[in-house]
Amino acid sequence: MHKQLTIRQKNMLQYINNYVETKNYPPSMREIGEAVELKSSSTVKGHLDRLKARGYVTWEDGKPRTLRLTQKIESA
């Protein structure tokens, strides 16, 4: 399903998917970090940048809570 993704990246995608399904808007970087046990928002951003480069997510630069999945993720 998610070739070449780390376990943490897979967990991030699943968390984002579940969060959006529940709340109808995306999580913040801080919320994503807490969910996958990362304290640094820059580390979260690095993972999200890699996911964006691979086509899993997108967002509008400079606008909060515009993160969205570009591929359907199976809910756990």
PDB file of N, CA and C in Angstrom:
ATOM      1  N   MET A   1       0.822  -1.195   0.000  1.00  0.00           N
ATOM      2  CA  MET A   1       0.000   0.000   0.000  1.00  0.00           C
ATOM      3  C   MET A   1       0.867   1.261   0.000  1.00  0.00           C
ATOM      4  N   HIS A   2       1.750   1.418   0.976  1.00  0.00           N
ATOM      5  CA  HIS A   2       2.583   2.613   1.070  1.00  0.00           C
ATOM      6  C   HIS A   2       4.045   2.219   0.872  1.00  0.00           C
ATOM      7  N   LYS A   3       4.441   1.992  -0.351  1.00  0.00           N
ATOM      8  CA  LYS A   3       5.810   1.576  -0.601  1.00  0.00           C
ATOM      9  C   LYS A   3       6.788   2.692  -0.239  1.00  0.00           C
ATOM     10  N   GLN A   4       7.885   2.292   0.370  1.00  0.00           N
ATOM     11  CA  GLN A   4       9.002   3.166   0.717  1.00  0.00           C
ATOM     12  C   GLN A   4       8.663   4.200   1.789  1.00  0.00           C
ATOM     13  N   LEU A   5       7.594   4.041   2.498  1.00  0.00           N
ATOM     14  CA  LEU A   5       7.281   4.945   3.598  1.00  0.00           C
ATOM     15  C   LEU A   5       7.744   4.321   4.905  1.00  0.00           C
ATOM     16  N   THR A   6       8.173   5.168   5.818  1.00  0.00           N
ATOM     17  CA  THR A   6       8.549   4.679   7.135  1.00  0.00           C
ATOM     18  C   THR A   6       7.279   4.372   7.931  1.00  0.00           C
ATOM     19  N   ILE A   7       7.437   3.643   8.994  1.00  0.00           N
ATOM     20  CA  ILE A   7       6.302   3.349   9.871  1.00  0.00           C
ATOM     21  C   ILE A   7       5.714   4.663  10.396  1.00  0.00           C
ATOM     22  N   ARG A   8       6.573   5.585  10.768  1.00  0.00           N
ATOM     23  CA  ARG A   8       6.097   6.876  11.281  1.00  0.00           C
ATOM     24  C   ARG A   8       5.291   7.619  10.218  1.00  0.00           C
ATOM     25  N   GLN A   9       5.747   7.605   8.963  1.00  0.00           N
ATOM     26  CA  GLN A   9       5.013   8.277   7.889  1.00  0.00           C
ATOM     27  C   GLN A   9       3.660   7.605   7.645  1.00  0.00           C
ATOM     28  N   LYS A  10       3.640   6.283   7.694  1.00  0.00           N
ATOM     29  CA  LYS A  10       2.368   5.570   7.556  1.00  0.00           C
ATOM     30  C   LYS A  10       1.427   5.950   8.692  1.00  0.00           C
ATOM     31  N   ASN A  11       1.974   6.035   9.911  1.00  0.00           N
ATOM     32  CA  ASN A  11       1.168   6.434  11.065  1.00  0.00           C
ATOM     33  C   ASN A  11       0.653   7.860  10.914  1.00  0.00           C
ATOM     34  N   MET A  12       1.488   8.733  10.368  1.00  0.00           N
ATOM     35  CA  MET A  12       1.053  10.117  10.130  1.00  0.00           C
ATOM     36  C   MET A  12      -0.125  10.154   9.164  1.00  0.00           C
ATOM     37  N   LEU A  13      -0.002   9.431   8.065  1.00  0.00           N
ATOM     38  CA  LEU A  13      -1.087   9.408   7.080  1.00  0.00           C
ATOM     39  C   LEU A  13      -2.371   8.868   7.693  1.00  0.00           C
ATOM     40  N   GLN A  14      -2.256   7.801   8.461  1.00  0.00           N
ATOM     41  CA  GLN A  14      -3.434   7.212   9.095  1.00  0.00           C
ATOM     42  C   GLN A  14      -4.050   8.191  10.088  1.00  0.00           C
ATOM     43  N   TYR A  15      -3.200   8.862  10.871  1.00  0.00           N
ATOM     44  CA  TYR A  15      -3.696   9.830  11.841  1.00  0.00           C
ATOM     45  C   TYR A  15      -4.408  10.989  11.140  1.00  0.00           C
ATOM     46  N   ILE A  16      -3.803  11.522  10.094  1.00  0.00           N
ATOM     47  CA  ILE A  16      -4.421  12.630   9.352  1.00  0.00           C
ATOM     48  C   ILE A  16      -5.773  12.189   8.796  1.00  0.00           C
ATOM     49  N   ASN A  17      -5.806  11.012   8.204  1.00  0.00           N
ATOM     50  CA  ASN A  17      -7.051  10.490   7.643  1.00  0.00           C
ATOM     51  C   ASN A  17      -8.132  10.367   8.716  1.00  0.00           C
ATOM     52  N   ASN A  18      -7.794   9.737   9.826  1.00  0.00           N
ATOM     53  CA  ASN A  18      -8.770   9.544  10.900  1.00  0.00           C
ATOM     54  C   ASN A  18      -9.232  10.876  11.489  1.00  0.00           C
ATOM     55  N   TYR A  19      -8.301  11.807  11.643  1.00  0.00           N
ATOM     56  CA  TYR A  19      -8.619  13.119  12.209  1.00  0.00           C
ATOM     57  C   TYR A  19      -9.618  13.845  11.309  1.00  0.00           C
ATOM     58  N   VAL A  20      -9.337  13.860  10.001  1.00  0.00           N
ATOM     59  CA  VAL A  20     -10.219  14.546   9.053  1.00  0.00           C
ATOM     60  C   VAL A  20     -11.593  13.876   9.003  1.00  0.00           C
ATOM     61  N   GLU A  21     -11.621  12.538   9.035  1.00  0.00           N
ATOM     62  CA  GLU A  21     -12.903  11.828   9.032  1.00  0.00           C
ATOM     63  C   GLU A  21     -13.728  12.177  10.268  1.00  0.00           C
ATOM     64  N   THR A  22     -13.072  12.380  11.395  1.00  0.00           N
ATOM     65  CA  THR A  22     -13.761  12.671  12.650  1.00  0.00           C
ATOM     66  C   THR A  22     -14.161  14.137  12.783  1.00  0.00           C
ATOM     67  N   LYS A  23     -13.231  15.038  12.451  1.00  0.00           N
ATOM     68  CA  LYS A  23     -13.443  16.464  12.727  1.00  0.00           C
ATOM     69  C   LYS A  23     -13.753  17.314  11.492  1.00  0.00           C
ATOM     70  N   ASN A  24     -13.580  16.750  10.312  1.00  0.00           N
ATOM     71  CA  ASN A  24     -13.839  17.453   9.050  1.00  0.00           C
ATOM     72  C   ASN A  24     -12.889  18.610   8.765  1.00  0.00           C
ATOM     73  N   TYR A  25     -11.744  18.616   9.411  1.00  0.00           N
ATOM     74  CA  TYR A  25     -10.669  19.548   9.092  1.00  0.00           C
ATOM     75  C   TYR A  25      -9.359  18.886   9.511  1.00  0.00           C
ATOM     76  N   PRO A  26      -8.235  19.292   8.931  1.00  0.00           N
ATOM     77  CA  PRO A  26      -6.968  18.606   9.209  1.00  0.00           C
ATOM     78  C   PRO A  26      -6.350  18.983  10.547  1.00  0.00           C
ATOM     79  N   PRO A  27      -5.507  18.105  11.069  1.00  0.00           N
ATOM     80  CA  PRO A  27      -4.807  18.379  12.323  1.00  0.00           C
ATOM     81  C   PRO A  27      -3.694  19.403  12.115  1.00  0.00           C
ATOM     82  N   SER A  28      -3.298  20.022  13.204  1.00  0.00           N
ATOM     83  CA  SER A  28      -2.152  20.936  13.172  1.00  0.00           C
ATOM     84  C   SER A  28      -0.865  20.114  13.202  1.00  0.00           C
ATOM     85  N   MET A  29       0.236  20.781  12.912  1.00  0.00           N
ATOM     86  CA  MET A  29       1.542  20.107  12.990  1.00  0.00           C
ATOM     87  C   MET A  29       1.785  19.586  14.397  1.00  0.00           C
ATOM     88  N   ARG A  30       1.444  20.387  15.391  1.00  0.00           N
ATOM     89  CA  ARG A  30       1.648  19.980  16.784  1.00  0.00           C
ATOM     90  C   ARG A  30       0.835  18.721  17.087  1.00  0.00           C
ATOM     91  N   GLU A  31      -0.412  18.672  16.637  1.00  0.00           N
ATOM     92  CA  GLU A  31      -1.259  17.500  16.878  1.00  0.00           C
ATOM     93  C   GLU A  31      -0.696  16.266  16.182  1.00  0.00           C
ATOM     94  N   ILE A  32      -0.205  16.437  14.971  1.00  0.00           N
ATOM     95  CA  ILE A  32       0.409  15.312  14.253  1.00  0.00           C
ATOM     96  C   ILE A  32       1.631  14.824  15.024  1.00  0.00           C
ATOM     97  N   GLY A  33       2.465  15.764  15.459  1.00  0.00           N
ATOM     98  CA  GLY A  33       3.661  15.411  16.225  1.00  0.00           C
ATOM     99  C   GLY A  33       3.339  14.635  17.482  1.00  0.00           C
ATOM    100  N   GLU A  34       2.337  15.094  18.217  1.00  0.00           N
ATOM    101  CA  GLU A  34       1.937  14.397  19.440  1.00  0.00           C
ATOM    102  C   GLU A  34       1.449  12.995  19.133  1.00  0.00           C
ATOM    103  N   ALA A  35       0.710  12.854  18.042  1.00  0.00           N
ATOM    104  CA  ALA A  35       0.145  11.554  17.677  1.00  0.00           C
ATOM    105  C   ALA A  35       1.212  10.532  17.305  1.00  0.00           C
ATOM    106  N   VAL A  36       2.304  10.997  16.696  1.00  0.00           N
ATOM    107  CA  VAL A  36       3.360  10.068  16.265  1.00  0.00           C
ATOM    108  C   VAL A  36       4.625  10.189  17.121  1.00  0.00           C
ATOM    109  N   GLU A  37       4.461  10.839  18.280  1.00  0.00           N
ATOM    110  CA  GLU A  37       5.526  10.952  19.275  1.00  0.00           C
ATOM    111  C   GLU A  37       6.770  11.679  18.767  1.00  0.00           C
ATOM    112  N   LEU A  38       6.535  12.821  18.123  1.00  0.00           N
ATOM    113  CA  LEU A  38       7.623  13.715  17.720  1.00  0.00           C
ATOM    114  C   LEU A  38       7.428  15.034  18.444  1.00  0.00           C
ATOM    115  N   LYS A  39       8.483  15.538  19.055  1.00  0.00           N
ATOM    116  CA  LYS A  39       8.378  16.794  19.799  1.00  0.00           C
ATOM    117  C   LYS A  39       8.672  18.009  18.934  1.00  0.00           C
ATOM    118  N   SER A  40       9.460  17.825  17.896  1.00  0.00           N
ATOM    119  CA  SER A  40       9.886  18.943  17.055  1.00  0.00           C
ATOM    120  C   SER A  40       8.944  19.132  15.862  1.00  0.00           C
ATOM    121  N   SER A  41       8.376  20.335  15.748  1.00  0.00           N
ATOM    122  CA  SER A  41       7.504  20.602  14.610  1.00  0.00           C
ATOM    123  C   SER A  41       8.295  20.626  13.305  1.00  0.00           C
ATOM    124  N   SER A  42       9.589  20.932  13.381  1.00  0.00           N
ATOM    125  CA  SER A  42      10.395  20.904  12.160  1.00  0.00           C
ATOM    126  C   SER A  42      10.604  19.475  11.669  1.00  0.00           C
ATOM    127  N   THR A  43      10.663  18.521  12.581  1.00  0.00           N
ATOM    128  CA  THR A  43      10.765  17.118  12.184  1.00  0.00           C
ATOM    129  C   THR A  43       9.454  16.658  11.553  1.00  0.00           C
ATOM    130  N   VAL A  44       8.341  17.077  12.133  1.00  0.00           N
ATOM    131  CA  VAL A  44       7.022  16.766  11.548  1.00  0.00           C
ATOM    132  C   VAL A  44       6.965  17.346  10.150  1.00  0.00           C
ATOM    133  N   LYS A  45       7.382  18.600  10.010  1.00  0.00           N
ATOM    134  CA  LYS A  45       7.363  19.260   8.693  1.00  0.00           C
ATOM    135  C   LYS A  45       8.241  18.513   7.705  1.00  0.00           C
ATOM    136  N   GLY A  46       9.386  18.022   8.142  1.00  0.00           N
ATOM    137  CA  GLY A  46      10.266  17.255   7.259  1.00  0.00           C
ATOM    138  C   GLY A  46       9.589  16.002   6.736  1.00  0.00           C
ATOM    139  N   HIS A  47       8.902  15.283   7.618  1.00  0.00           N
ATOM    140  CA  HIS A  47       8.170  14.098   7.185  1.00  0.00           C
ATOM    141  C   HIS A  47       7.056  14.479   6.215  1.00  0.00           C
ATOM    142  N   LEU A  48       6.337  15.553   6.525  1.00  0.00           N
ATOM    143  CA  LEU A  48       5.255  15.991   5.638  1.00  0.00           C
ATOM    144  C   LEU A  48       5.796  16.446   4.284  1.00  0.00           C
ATOM    145  N   ASP A  49       6.950  17.092   4.275  1.00  0.00           N
ATOM    146  CA  ASP A  49       7.577  17.490   3.010  1.00  0.00           C
ATOM    147  C   ASP A  49       7.878  16.263   2.145  1.00  0.00           C
ATOM    148  N   ARG A  50       8.380  15.192   2.787  1.00  0.00           N
ATOM    149  CA  ARG A  50       8.680  13.972   2.036  1.00  0.00           C
ATOM    150  C   ARG A  50       7.388  13.309   1.531  1.00  0.00           C
ATOM    151  N   LEU A  51       6.351  13.349   2.368  1.00  0.00           N
ATOM    152  CA  LEU A  51       5.065  12.787   1.942  1.00  0.00           C
ATOM    153  C   LEU A  51       4.479  13.604   0.784  1.00  0.00           C
ATOM    154  N   LYS A  52       4.677  14.910   0.834  1.00  0.00           N
ATOM    155  CA  LYS A  52       4.206  15.772  -0.256  1.00  0.00           C
ATOM    156  C   LYS A  52       4.971  15.470  -1.540  1.00  0.00           C
ATOM    157  N   ALA A  53       6.281  15.308  -1.433  1.00  0.00           N
ATOM    158  CA  ALA A  53       7.110  15.009  -2.596  1.00  0.00           C
ATOM    159  C   ALA A  53       6.716  13.682  -3.244  1.00  0.00           C
ATOM    160  N   ARG A  54       6.226  12.756  -2.439  1.00  0.00           N
ATOM    161  CA  ARG A  54       5.799  11.445  -2.949  1.00  0.00           C
ATOM    162  C   ARG A  54       4.335  11.428  -3.372  1.00  0.00           C
ATOM    163  N   GLY A  55       3.653  12.562  -3.210  1.00  0.00           N
ATOM    164  CA  GLY A  55       2.284  12.679  -3.690  1.00  0.00           C
ATOM    165  C   GLY A  55       1.204  12.191  -2.743  1.00  0.00           C
ATOM    166  N   TYR A  56       1.514  12.061  -1.453  1.00  0.00           N
ATOM    167  CA  TYR A  56       0.522  11.583  -0.490  1.00  0.00           C
ATOM    168  C   TYR A  56      -0.302  12.704   0.135  1.00  0.00           C
ATOM    169  N   VAL A  57       0.304  13.891   0.265  1.00  0.00           N
ATOM    170  CA  VAL A  57      -0.387  15.023   0.882  1.00  0.00           C
ATOM    171  C   VAL A  57      -0.087  16.296   0.100  1.00  0.00           C
ATOM    172  N   THR A  58      -0.894  17.313   0.368  1.00  0.00           N
ATOM    173  CA  THR A  58      -0.641  18.645  -0.178  1.00  0.00           C
ATOM    174  C   THR A  58      -1.194  19.666   0.802  1.00  0.00           C
ATOM    175  N   TRP A  59      -0.780  20.914   0.647  1.00  0.00           N
ATOM    176  CA  TRP A  59      -1.285  22.009   1.473  1.00  0.00           C
ATOM    177  C   TRP A  59      -0.967  23.319   0.788  1.00  0.00           C
ATOM    178  N   GLU A  60      -1.612  24.382   1.253  1.00  0.00           N
ATOM    179  CA  GLU A  60      -1.341  25.721   0.757  1.00  0.00           C
ATOM    180  C   GLU A  60      -0.330  26.373   1.684  1.00  0.00           C
ATOM    181  N   ASP A  61       0.792  26.783   1.132  1.00  0.00           N
ATOM    182  CA  ASP A  61       1.839  27.416   1.941  1.00  0.00           C
ATOM    183  C   ASP A  61       1.308  28.664   2.628  1.00  0.00           C
ATOM    184  N   GLY A  62       1.660  28.808   3.888  1.00  0.00           N
ATOM    185  CA  GLY A  62       1.307  29.991   4.647  1.00  0.00           C
ATOM    186  C   GLY A  62      -0.119  30.023   5.177  1.00  0.00           C
ATOM    187  N   LYS A  63      -0.876  28.975   4.913  1.00  0.00           N
ATOM    188  CA  LYS A  63      -2.256  28.928   5.404  1.00  0.00           C
ATOM    189  C   LYS A  63      -2.405  27.742   6.351  1.00  0.00           C
ATOM    190  N   PRO A  64      -2.860  28.000   7.564  1.00  0.00           N
ATOM    191  CA  PRO A  64      -3.004  26.906   8.533  1.00  0.00           C
ATOM    192  C   PRO A  64      -4.151  25.968   8.171  1.00  0.00           C
ATOM    193  N   ARG A  65      -3.997  24.736   8.558  1.00  0.00           N
ATOM    194  CA  ARG A  65      -5.028  23.699   8.414  1.00  0.00           C
ATOM    195  C   ARG A  65      -5.529  23.515   6.987  1.00  0.00           C
ATOM    196  N   THR A  66      -4.604  23.586   6.026  1.00  0.00           N
ATOM    197  CA  THR A  66      -4.963  23.288   4.636  1.00  0.00           C
ATOM    198  C   THR A  66      -4.407  21.945   4.189  1.00  0.00           C
ATOM    199  N   LEU A  67      -3.784  21.227   5.103  1.00  0.00           N
ATOM    200  CA  LEU A  67      -3.228  19.910   4.805  1.00  0.00           C
ATOM    201  C   LEU A  67      -4.344  18.973   4.356  1.00  0.00           C
ATOM    202  N   ARG A  68      -4.112  18.247   3.263  1.00  0.00           N
ATOM    203  CA  ARG A  68      -5.085  17.244   2.850  1.00  0.00           C
ATOM    204  C   ARG A  68      -4.376  16.075   2.187  1.00  0.00           C
ATOM    205  N   LEU A  69      -5.003  14.928   2.287  1.00  0.00           N
ATOM    206  CA  LEU A  69      -4.475  13.729   1.641  1.00  0.00           C
ATOM    207  C   LEU A  69      -4.829  13.783   0.168  1.00  0.00           C
ATOM    208  N   THR A  70      -3.916  13.312  -0.663  1.00  0.00           N
ATOM    209  CA  THR A  70      -4.183  13.273  -2.097  1.00  0.00           C
ATOM    210  C   THR A  70      -4.499  11.864  -2.560  1.00  0.00           C
ATOM    211  N   GLN A  71      -4.388  10.908  -1.646  1.00  0.00           N
ATOM    212  CA  GLN A  71      -4.725   9.515  -1.924  1.00  0.00           C
ATOM    213  C   GLN A  71      -5.588   8.982  -0.802  1.00  0.00           C
ATOM    214  N   LYS A  72      -6.509   8.108  -1.138  1.00  0.00           N
ATOM    215  CA  LYS A  72      -7.381   7.511  -0.126  1.00  0.00           C
ATOM    216  C   LYS A  72      -6.572   6.588   0.765  1.00  0.00           C
ATOM    217  N   ILE A  73      -6.758   6.713   2.066  1.00  0.00           N
ATOM    218  CA  ILE A  73      -6.065   5.896   3.047  1.00  0.00           C
ATOM    219  C   ILE A  73      -7.100   4.991   3.697  1.00  0.00           C
ATOM    220  N   GLU A  74      -6.762   3.730   3.838  1.00  0.00           N
ATOM    221  CA  GLU A  74      -7.672   2.782   4.489  1.00  0.00           C
ATOM    222  C   GLU A  74      -7.670   3.038   5.986  1.00  0.00           C
ATOM    223  N   SER A  75      -8.852   3.171   6.564  1.00  0.00           N
ATOM    224  CA  SER A  75      -8.965   3.378   8.010  1.00  0.00           C
ATOM    225  C   SER A  75      -8.655   2.092   8.753  1.00  0.00           C
ATOM    226  N   ALA A  76      -8.009   2.244   9.904  1.00  0.00           N
ATOM    227  CA  ALA A  76      -7.678   1.079  10.715  1.00  0.00           C
ATOM    228  C   ALA A  76      -8.876   0.653  11.541  1.00  0.00           C
TER     229      ALA A  76
END
